[in-house]
Structures are given as structure tokens and as C-alpha cells.
């Protein structure tokens, strides 16, 4: 078909990179790691919020 080598694209900037790499550079790697950490922190925050709301509901039912 074409003479383009097999490759994948950087998950941050979209530039072509090696098949074994997720990112094209160390800067993109740092950005990707920061995004993943922020997503993980957000997930923990949401679980904590749900747990706190559940505790409030249980305490309110106990007062009825």
C-alpha cells in the first residue's frame, strides 16, 4: 500500500512515535503521567464524596 513504517501516535501531542512507546518525548511522558495522576486523584475524591454522603444518609435515617 504505502511506504510508511509501522508506528503509533503520541497520546499527548499526536506525533508519530515508536510502536513500543506511548509518547514521543520526555515532556509528553511527564504530561501523560500528570494527567493520569489527576484522573486517579479525581476518582478517589468522587469515591470519598459518595462515602461521606452515604454516612450522612445513614446518620439521618438513625435520627428518624
Protein backbone atom coordinates (compact mmCIF):
# COMPACT_ATOMS: atom_id res chain seq x y z
CA UNK A 1 0.00 0.00 0.00
CA UNK A 2 2.25 2.80 1.27
CA UNK A 3 5.87 3.11 2.28
CA UNK A 4 5.12 4.29 5.82
CA UNK A 5 6.74 2.30 8.62
CA UNK A 6 4.52 0.86 11.34
CA UNK A 7 4.10 3.39 14.11
CA UNK A 8 1.67 4.70 16.67
CA UNK A 9 0.86 8.23 17.69
CA UNK A 10 1.80 10.06 20.88
CA UNK A 11 -1.11 10.07 23.33
CA UNK A 12 -0.40 13.71 24.20
CA UNK A 13 0.52 15.57 21.02
CA UNK A 14 -0.36 13.08 18.29
CA UNK A 15 3.08 12.98 16.64
CA UNK A 16 4.23 9.62 15.25
CA UNK A 17 6.38 7.58 17.64
CA UNK A 18 7.80 4.09 18.02
CA UNK A 19 5.45 1.12 18.39
CA UNK A 20 6.78 0.41 21.88
CA UNK A 21 6.33 3.97 23.17
CA UNK A 22 3.17 5.72 24.34
CA UNK A 23 4.70 9.17 23.95
CA UNK A 24 7.20 10.84 21.65
CA UNK A 25 9.29 12.68 24.27
CA UNK A 26 10.04 13.03 27.96
CA UNK A 27 7.93 16.19 28.11
CA UNK A 28 4.92 14.33 26.71
CA UNK A 29 5.59 11.45 29.14
CA UNK A 30 5.50 13.92 32.07
CA UNK A 31 2.26 15.43 30.77
CA UNK A 32 0.69 12.00 30.36
CA UNK A 33 1.77 10.94 33.87
CA UNK A 34 0.36 14.19 35.33
CA UNK A 35 -2.96 13.64 33.54
CA UNK A 36 -3.18 10.06 34.79
CA UNK A 37 -2.39 11.17 38.36
CA UNK A 38 -5.02 13.90 38.20
CA UNK A 39 -7.59 11.38 36.93
CA UNK A 40 -6.70 8.97 39.75
CA UNK A 41 -6.98 11.75 42.34
CA UNK A 42 -10.37 12.78 40.94
CA UNK A 43 -11.60 9.18 41.13
CA UNK A 44 -10.54 8.93 44.80
CA UNK A 45 -12.26 12.25 45.51
CA UNK A 46 -15.51 11.02 43.97
CA UNK A 47 -15.42 7.78 45.98
CA UNK A 48 -14.77 9.77 49.16
CA UNK A 49 -17.69 12.10 48.38
CA UNK A 50 -20.02 9.14 47.83
CA UNK A 51 -18.87 7.55 51.09
CA UNK A 52 -19.43 10.79 53.02
CA UNK A 53 -22.89 11.21 51.52
CA UNK A 54 -23.73 7.62 52.41
CA UNK A 55 -22.63 8.22 56.00
CA UNK A 56 -24.83 11.33 56.21
CA UNK A 57 -27.81 9.38 54.86
CA UNK A 58 -27.28 6.60 57.40
CA UNK A 59 -26.98 9.14 60.24
CA UNK A 60 -30.15 10.93 59.11
CA UNK A 61 -32.09 7.66 58.98
CA UNK A 62 -30.91 6.92 62.50
CA UNK A 63 -32.45 10.18 63.77
CA UNK A 64 -35.90 9.43 62.36
